[in-house]
Amino acid sequence: MTSAPAAANSGIPRSLYVFSVFYGGMVCLAGVLGNKQVSIGPLAVEAGIFAFLLLVVVSSAIAELHGRDTANSLVKFGFVPLLFAMALSWIVYALPASPDMAPENADAIQLILGATGRIWAAGVCAYGVSQFLNVYIFSRLQNMPGRWLAVRGVIASALSQIVDTLIFVTIAFYGVFPIGQLLIGQMAAKVALSIALVPFLIVFFVRLGKRLDA
């Protein structure tokens, strides 16, 4: 297995290596966490937002440290673990459970893995569009006075979260039930979390990246 120092010696910046591994893990984890709705004060939001915010922050940090093209390449490679996770989920869902497995555990994992094709398609489309949009907006804002890192991160994250929610909810649930209130609630919650968390996270990851590359 290639270590981070070995990767750095081979010409790959250490921050890019570490952040890419982290990014791939968050791509897979976001779909699992999304099966639970959580309450944060008055906000109700699907838990996958936490992993997705980290995806947004890491792609923005890569754009800041290594350029927009590198960040876009990271987003493209993110489709690989995402699609493999989908395929493995379907395979495991189709395989029979061991007779030694507790029935309630077997039912629970089948419920988590048994997402419909519409939900999987919604996740893939929302991931691609929103992540590329985040990198684009973040990079375009580099000419802001003082290169305000935290402000750029919040603007890019909030706008990409709005688009992510619009795409995902529409593809996954349009025609199943009225989606107007769900869209408004999810957008408001995700924008609020972007404003609260992204400024600290983007500054942390950029500083971490610079230390890794020092």
C-alpha atoms as a PDB file:
ATOM      1  CA  MET A   1       0.000   0.000   0.000  1.00  0.00           C
ATOM      2  CA  THR A   2       1.329   3.434  -0.911  1.00  0.00           C
ATOM      3  CA  SER A   3       1.969   5.626   2.115  1.00  0.00           C
ATOM      4  CA  ALA A   4       1.398   9.362   2.217  1.00  0.00           C
ATOM      5  CA  PRO A   5       5.181  10.101   2.261  1.00  0.00           C
ATOM      6  CA  ALA A   6       5.685   7.740  -0.679  1.00  0.00           C
ATOM      7  CA  ALA A   7       2.911   9.483  -2.572  1.00  0.00           C
ATOM      8  CA  ALA A   8       4.536  12.829  -1.894  1.00  0.00           C
ATOM      9  CA  ASN A   9       7.888  11.536  -3.107  1.00  0.00           C
ATOM     10  CA  SER A  10       6.262  10.300  -6.321  1.00  0.00           C
ATOM     11  CA  GLY A  11       5.146  13.823  -7.193  1.00  0.00           C
ATOM     12  CA  ILE A  12       1.638  13.763  -5.712  1.00  0.00           C
ATOM     13  CA  PRO A  13       1.218  16.533  -3.111  1.00  0.00           C
ATOM     14  CA  ARG A  14       0.632  15.000   0.289  1.00  0.00           C
ATOM     15  CA  SER A  15      -2.498  17.077   0.879  1.00  0.00           C
ATOM     16  CA  LEU A  16      -3.996  15.886  -2.413  1.00  0.00           C
ATOM     17  CA  TYR A  17      -3.296  12.258  -1.511  1.00  0.00           C
ATOM     18  CA  VAL A  18      -4.762  12.515   2.002  1.00  0.00           C
ATOM     19  CA  PHE A  19      -7.782  14.586   0.973  1.00  0.00           C
ATOM     20  CA  SER A  20      -8.558  12.257  -1.949  1.00  0.00           C
ATOM     21  CA  VAL A  21      -8.685   9.214   0.338  1.00  0.00           C
ATOM     22  CA  PHE A  22     -10.856  11.131   2.794  1.00  0.00           C
ATOM     23  CA  TYR A  23     -13.126  12.339  -0.022  1.00  0.00           C
ATOM     24  CA  GLY A  24     -13.707   8.822  -1.331  1.00  0.00           C
ATOM     25  CA  GLY A  25     -14.738   7.646   2.115  1.00  0.00           C
ATOM     26  CA  MET A  26     -17.166  10.522   2.575  1.00  0.00           C
ATOM     27  CA  VAL A  27     -18.786   9.814  -0.822  1.00  0.00           C
ATOM     28  CA  CYS A  28     -19.719   6.317   0.367  1.00  0.00           C
ATOM     29  CA  LEU A  29     -20.654   7.355   3.905  1.00  0.00           C
ATOM     30  CA  ALA A  30     -23.028  10.121   2.808  1.00  0.00           C
ATOM     31  CA  GLY A  31     -25.472   7.622   1.325  1.00  0.00           C
ATOM     32  CA  VAL A  32     -25.515   5.491   4.487  1.00  0.00           C
ATOM     33  CA  LEU A  33     -26.013   8.443   6.842  1.00  0.00           C
ATOM     34  CA  GLY A  34     -28.797   9.769   4.647  1.00  0.00           C
ATOM     35  CA  ASN A  35     -31.089   7.001   5.883  1.00  0.00           C
ATOM     36  CA  LYS A  36     -31.607   8.872   9.158  1.00  0.00           C
ATOM     37  CA  GLN A  37     -33.374  12.166   9.744  1.00  0.00           C
ATOM     38  CA  VAL A  38     -31.910  14.171  12.614  1.00  0.00           C
ATOM     39  CA  SER A  39     -33.119  17.206  14.550  1.00  0.00           C
ATOM     40  CA  ILE A  40     -30.723  20.045  15.355  1.00  0.00           C
ATOM     41  CA  GLY A  41     -32.707  22.550  17.371  1.00  0.00           C
ATOM     42  CA  PRO A  42     -35.526  23.704  15.090  1.00  0.00           C
ATOM     43  CA  LEU A  43     -33.888  22.153  12.008  1.00  0.00           C
ATOM     44  CA  ALA A  44     -34.777  18.709  10.666  1.00  0.00           C
ATOM     45  CA  VAL A  45     -32.393  17.349   8.045  1.00  0.00           C
ATOM     46  CA  GLU A  46     -31.143  14.049   6.681  1.00  0.00           C
ATOM     47  CA  ALA A  47     -27.867  13.085   8.359  1.00  0.00           C
ATOM     48  CA  GLY A  48     -26.027  12.665   5.068  1.00  0.00           C
ATOM     49  CA  ILE A  49     -25.637  16.459   5.022  1.00  0.00           C
ATOM     50  CA  PHE A  50     -22.685  16.195   7.414  1.00  0.00           C
ATOM     51  CA  ALA A  51     -20.691  13.982   5.065  1.00  0.00           C
ATOM     52  CA  PHE A  52     -21.816  16.067   2.103  1.00  0.00           C
ATOM     53  CA  LEU A  53     -20.633  19.282   3.746  1.00  0.00           C
ATOM     54  CA  LEU A  54     -17.236  17.652   4.175  1.00  0.00           C
ATOM     55  CA  LEU A  55     -17.245  16.745   0.466  1.00  0.00           C
ATOM     56  CA  VAL A  56     -17.990  20.368  -0.401  1.00  0.00           C
ATOM     57  CA  VAL A  57     -15.280  21.650   1.924  1.00  0.00           C
ATOM     58  CA  VAL A  58     -12.633  19.190   0.717  1.00  0.00           C
ATOM     59  CA  SER A  59     -13.300  19.896  -2.962  1.00  0.00           C
ATOM     60  CA  SER A  60     -13.107  23.638  -2.225  1.00  0.00           C
ATOM     61  CA  ALA A  61      -9.865  23.154  -0.291  1.00  0.00           C
ATOM     62  CA  ILE A  62      -8.397  21.210  -3.215  1.00  0.00           C
ATOM     63  CA  ALA A  63      -9.445  24.026  -5.572  1.00  0.00           C
ATOM     64  CA  GLU A  64      -7.767  26.558  -3.284  1.00  0.00           C
ATOM     65  CA  LEU A  65      -4.540  24.548  -2.906  1.00  0.00           C
ATOM     66  CA  HIS A  66      -4.193  22.840  -6.287  1.00  0.00           C
ATOM     67  CA  GLY A  67      -6.533  24.590  -8.709  1.00  0.00           C
ATOM     68  CA  ARG A  68      -9.981  24.151 -10.187  1.00  0.00           C
ATOM     69  CA  ASP A  69      -8.993  21.451 -12.683  1.00  0.00           C
ATOM     70  CA  THR A  70      -7.583  19.229  -9.940  1.00  0.00           C
ATOM     71  CA  ALA A  71     -10.714  19.730  -7.839  1.00  0.00           C
ATOM     72  CA  ASN A  72     -12.916  18.793 -10.808  1.00  0.00           C
ATOM     73  CA  SER A  73     -10.822  15.650 -11.337  1.00  0.00           C
ATOM     74  CA  LEU A  74     -11.409  14.748  -7.681  1.00  0.00           C
ATOM     75  CA  VAL A  75     -15.165  15.108  -8.171  1.00  0.00           C
ATOM     76  CA  LYS A  76     -15.002  12.895 -11.264  1.00  0.00           C
ATOM     77  CA  PHE A  77     -13.071  10.187  -9.419  1.00  0.00           C
ATOM     78  CA  GLY A  78     -15.687  10.412  -6.660  1.00  0.00           C
ATOM     79  CA  PHE A  79     -18.115   8.662  -9.003  1.00  0.00           C
ATOM     80  CA  VAL A  80     -15.968   5.494  -8.760  1.00  0.00           C
ATOM     81  CA  PRO A  81     -16.519   4.707  -5.049  1.00  0.00           C
ATOM     82  CA  LEU A  82     -20.101   5.972  -5.344  1.00  0.00           C
ATOM     83  CA  LEU A  83     -20.999   3.576  -8.163  1.00  0.00           C
ATOM     84  CA  PHE A  84     -19.111   0.676  -6.566  1.00  0.00           C
ATOM     85  CA  ALA A  85     -20.953   1.305  -3.286  1.00  0.00           C
ATOM     86  CA  MET A  86     -24.262   1.206  -5.157  1.00  0.00           C
ATOM     87  CA  ALA A  87     -23.358  -2.058  -6.909  1.00  0.00           C
ATOM     88  CA  LEU A  88     -22.185  -3.737  -3.702  1.00  0.00           C
ATOM     89  CA  SER A  89     -25.319  -2.581  -1.887  1.00  0.00           C
ATOM     90  CA  TRP A  90     -27.505  -4.215  -4.528  1.00  0.00           C
ATOM     91  CA  ILE A  91     -25.471  -7.443  -4.387  1.00  0.00           C
ATOM     92  CA  VAL A  92     -25.610  -7.652  -0.592  1.00  0.00           C
ATOM     93  CA  TYR A  93     -29.320  -6.809  -0.661  1.00  0.00           C
ATOM     94  CA  ALA A  94     -29.980  -9.675  -3.069  1.00  0.00           C
ATOM     95  CA  LEU A  95     -27.991 -12.259  -1.095  1.00  0.00           C
ATOM     96  CA  PRO A  96     -29.939 -14.235   1.549  1.00  0.00           C
ATOM     97  CA  ALA A  97     -29.233 -13.431   5.186  1.00  0.00           C
ATOM     98  CA  SER A  98     -27.545 -16.011   7.378  1.00  0.00           C
ATOM     99  CA  PRO A  99     -30.020 -18.020   9.454  1.00  0.00           C
ATOM    100  CA  ASP A 100     -27.940 -17.106  12.518  1.00  0.00           C
ATOM    101  CA  MET A 101     -28.614 -13.388  12.010  1.00  0.00           C
ATOM    102  CA  ALA A 102     -31.199 -11.818  14.299  1.00  0.00           C
ATOM    103  CA  PRO A 103     -34.407 -11.215  12.312  1.00  0.00           C
ATOM    104  CA  GLU A 104     -34.687  -7.574  13.397  1.00  0.00           C
ATOM    105  CA  ASN A 105     -31.098  -6.924  12.238  1.00  0.00           C
ATOM    106  CA  ALA A 106     -31.754  -8.632   8.912  1.00  0.00           C
ATOM    107  CA  ASP A 107     -34.886  -6.538   8.362  1.00  0.00           C
ATOM    108  CA  ALA A 108     -33.072  -3.328   9.288  1.00  0.00           C
ATOM    109  CA  ILE A 109     -30.145  -3.822   6.905  1.00  0.00           C
ATOM    110  CA  GLN A 110     -32.496  -4.767   4.072  1.00  0.00           C
ATOM    111  CA  LEU A 111     -34.426  -1.563   4.675  1.00  0.00           C
ATOM    112  CA  ILE A 112     -31.211   0.486   4.505  1.00  0.00           C
ATOM    113  CA  LEU A 113     -29.828  -1.280   1.428  1.00  0.00           C
ATOM    114  CA  GLY A 114     -33.122  -1.506  -0.431  1.00  0.00           C
ATOM    115  CA  ALA A 115     -33.229   2.018  -1.804  1.00  0.00           C
ATOM    116  CA  THR A 116     -35.208   2.365  -5.009  1.00  0.00           C
ATOM    117  CA  GLY A 117     -33.595   3.036  -8.376  1.00  0.00           C
ATOM    118  CA  ARG A 118     -35.011   6.573  -8.324  1.00  0.00           C
ATOM    119  CA  ILE A 119     -33.248   7.371  -5.054  1.00  0.00           C
ATOM    120  CA  TRP A 120     -29.922   5.994  -6.316  1.00  0.00           C
ATOM    121  CA  ALA A 121     -30.290   7.945  -9.568  1.00  0.00           C
ATOM    122  CA  ALA A 122     -31.191  11.064  -7.630  1.00  0.00           C
ATOM    123  CA  GLY A 123     -28.101  10.685  -5.467  1.00  0.00           C
ATOM    124  CA  VAL A 124     -25.737  10.285  -8.422  1.00  0.00           C
ATOM    125  CA  CYS A 125     -27.200  13.243 -10.331  1.00  0.00           C
ATOM    126  CA  ALA A 126     -27.298  15.501  -7.281  1.00  0.00           C
ATOM    127  CA  TYR A 127     -23.720  14.600  -6.337  1.00  0.00           C
ATOM    128  CA  GLY A 128     -22.295  15.353  -9.767  1.00  0.00           C
ATOM    129  CA  VAL A 129     -24.111  18.600 -10.472  1.00  0.00           C
ATOM    130  CA  SER A 130     -23.770  20.096  -6.999  1.00  0.00           C
ATOM    131  CA  GLN A 131     -20.101  19.189  -6.536  1.00  0.00           C
ATOM    132  CA  PHE A 132     -19.032  20.582  -9.917  1.00  0.00           C
ATOM    133  CA  LEU A 133     -21.126  23.678  -9.218  1.00  0.00           C
ATOM    134  CA  ASN A 134     -19.461  24.130  -5.832  1.00  0.00           C
ATOM    135  CA  VAL A 135     -15.968  23.998  -7.361  1.00  0.00           C
ATOM    136  CA  TYR A 136     -17.015  26.391 -10.137  1.00  0.00           C
ATOM    137  CA  ILE A 137     -18.512  29.006  -7.798  1.00  0.00           C
ATOM    138  CA  PHE A 138     -15.684  28.755  -5.272  1.00  0.00           C
ATOM    139  CA  SER A 139     -13.074  29.189  -7.983  1.00  0.00           C
ATOM    140  CA  ARG A 140     -14.888  32.072  -9.670  1.00  0.00           C
ATOM    141  CA  LEU A 141     -14.962  33.951  -6.370  1.00  0.00           C
ATOM    142  CA  GLN A 142     -11.185  33.937  -6.014  1.00  0.00           C
ATOM    143  CA  ASN A 143     -11.093  37.568  -7.167  1.00  0.00           C
ATOM    144  CA  MET A 144     -13.062  38.738  -4.143  1.00  0.00           C
ATOM    145  CA  PRO A 145     -11.260  41.457  -2.160  1.00  0.00           C
ATOM    146  CA  GLY A 146      -8.828  39.838   0.227  1.00  0.00           C
ATOM    147  CA  ARG A 147      -9.647  36.410  -1.224  1.00  0.00           C
ATOM    148  CA  TRP A 148     -12.092  35.868   1.651  1.00  0.00           C
ATOM    149  CA  LEU A 149     -11.746  32.120   2.030  1.00  0.00           C
ATOM    150  CA  ALA A 150     -14.548  31.514   4.535  1.00  0.00           C
ATOM    151  CA  VAL A 151     -17.038  33.726   2.670  1.00  0.00           C
ATOM    152  CA  ARG A 152     -16.274  32.057  -0.646  1.00  0.00           C
ATOM    153  CA  GLY A 153     -16.716  28.665   0.980  1.00  0.00           C
ATOM    154  CA  VAL A 154     -20.085  29.586   2.465  1.00  0.00           C
ATOM    155  CA  ILE A 155     -21.453  31.060  -0.779  1.00  0.00           C
ATOM    156  CA  ALA A 156     -20.355  28.074  -2.864  1.00  0.00           C
ATOM    157  CA  SER A 157     -21.614  25.578  -0.294  1.00  0.00           C
ATOM    158  CA  ALA A 158     -25.004  27.236   0.215  1.00  0.00           C
ATOM    159  CA  LEU A 159     -25.753  27.551  -3.511  1.00  0.00           C
ATOM    160  CA  SER A 160     -24.599  24.009  -4.274  1.00  0.00           C
ATOM    161  CA  GLN A 161     -26.694  22.683  -1.358  1.00  0.00           C
ATOM    162  CA  ILE A 162     -29.790  24.380  -2.781  1.00  0.00           C
ATOM    163  CA  VAL A 163     -29.176  22.794  -6.185  1.00  0.00           C
ATOM    164  CA  ASP A 164     -28.384  19.416  -4.599  1.00  0.00           C
ATOM    165  CA  THR A 165     -31.668  19.429  -2.696  1.00  0.00           C
ATOM    166  CA  LEU A 166     -33.692  20.549  -5.723  1.00  0.00           C
ATOM    167  CA  ILE A 167     -32.259  17.778  -7.910  1.00  0.00           C
ATOM    168  CA  PHE A 168     -32.394  14.995  -5.331  1.00  0.00           C
ATOM    169  CA  VAL A 169     -35.877  15.627  -3.969  1.00  0.00           C
ATOM    170  CA  THR A 170     -37.369  16.187  -7.426  1.00  0.00           C
ATOM    171  CA  ILE A 171     -35.920  13.036  -8.987  1.00  0.00           C
ATOM    172  CA  ALA A 172     -36.474  10.840  -5.919  1.00  0.00           C
ATOM    173  CA  PHE A 173     -39.938  11.925  -4.790  1.00  0.00           C
ATOM    174  CA  TYR A 174     -41.747  13.969  -7.468  1.00  0.00           C
ATOM    175  CA  GLY A 175     -45.111  12.326  -8.109  1.00  0.00           C
ATOM    176  CA  VAL A 176     -44.843  10.193  -4.971  1.00  0.00           C
ATOM    177  CA  PHE A 177     -46.013  12.943  -2.613  1.00  0.00           C
ATOM    178  CA  PRO A 178     -46.084  16.767  -2.591  1.00  0.00           C
ATOM    179  CA  ILE A 179     -42.491  17.961  -2.359  1.00  0.00           C
ATOM    180  CA  GLY A 180     -42.878  21.715  -1.875  1.00  0.00           C
ATOM    181  CA  GLN A 181     -42.567  21.790   1.912  1.00  0.00           C
ATOM    182  CA  LEU A 182     -39.797  19.192   1.878  1.00  0.00           C
ATOM    183  CA  LEU A 183     -37.792  21.259  -0.604  1.00  0.00           C
ATOM    184  CA  ILE A 184     -38.148  24.460   1.400  1.00  0.00           C
ATOM    185  CA  GLY A 185     -37.334  22.791   4.710  1.00  0.00           C
ATOM    186  CA  GLN A 186     -34.297  20.907   3.425  1.00  0.00           C
ATOM    187  CA  MET A 187     -32.910  23.928   1.584  1.00  0.00           C
ATOM    188  CA  ALA A 188     -33.294  26.163   4.637  1.00  0.00           C
ATOM    189  CA  ALA A 189     -31.678  23.607   6.926  1.00  0.00           C
ATOM    190  CA  LYS A 190     -28.732  22.952   4.613  1.00  0.00           C
ATOM    191  CA  VAL A 191     -28.071  26.637   4.004  1.00  0.00           C
ATOM    192  CA  ALA A 192     -28.156  27.259   7.759  1.00  0.00           C
ATOM    193  CA  LEU A 193     -25.673  24.441   8.383  1.00  0.00           C
ATOM    194  CA  SER A 194     -23.444  25.750   5.598  1.00  0.00           C
ATOM    195  CA  ILE A 195     -23.353  29.172   7.224  1.00  0.00           C
ATOM    196  CA  ALA A 196     -22.676  27.684  10.665  1.00  0.00           C
ATOM    197  CA  LEU A 197     -20.054  25.067   9.790  1.00  0.00           C
ATOM    198  CA  VAL A 198     -18.332  25.784   6.483  1.00  0.00           C
ATOM    199  CA  PRO A 199     -16.338  28.884   7.562  1.00  0.00           C
ATOM    200  CA  PHE A 200     -14.514  26.887  10.219  1.00  0.00           C
ATOM    201  CA  LEU A 201     -14.146  23.723   8.138  1.00  0.00           C
ATOM    202  CA  ILE A 202     -12.771  25.386   4.997  1.00  0.00           C
ATOM    203  CA  VAL A 203     -10.165  27.344   6.963  1.00  0.00           C
ATOM    204  CA  PHE A 204      -9.180  24.174   8.846  1.00  0.00           C
ATOM    205  CA  PHE A 205      -8.775  22.032   5.718  1.00  0.00           C
ATOM    206  CA  VAL A 206      -6.810  24.653   3.790  1.00  0.00           C
ATOM    207  CA  ARG A 207      -4.455  25.165   6.723  1.00  0.00           C
ATOM    208  CA  LEU A 208      -4.135  21.408   7.161  1.00  0.00           C
ATOM    209  CA  GLY A 209      -3.341  21.022   3.472  1.00  0.00           C
ATOM    210  CA  LYS A 210      -0.628  23.652   3.642  1.00  0.00           C
ATOM    211  CA  ARG A 211       0.913  21.925   6.660  1.00  0.00           C
ATOM    212  CA  LEU A 212       0.838  18.558   4.903  1.00  0.00           C
ATOM    213  CA  ASP A 213       2.605  20.056   1.883  1.00  0.00           C
ATOM    214  CA  ALA A 214       5.154  22.028   3.889  1.00  0.00           C
END
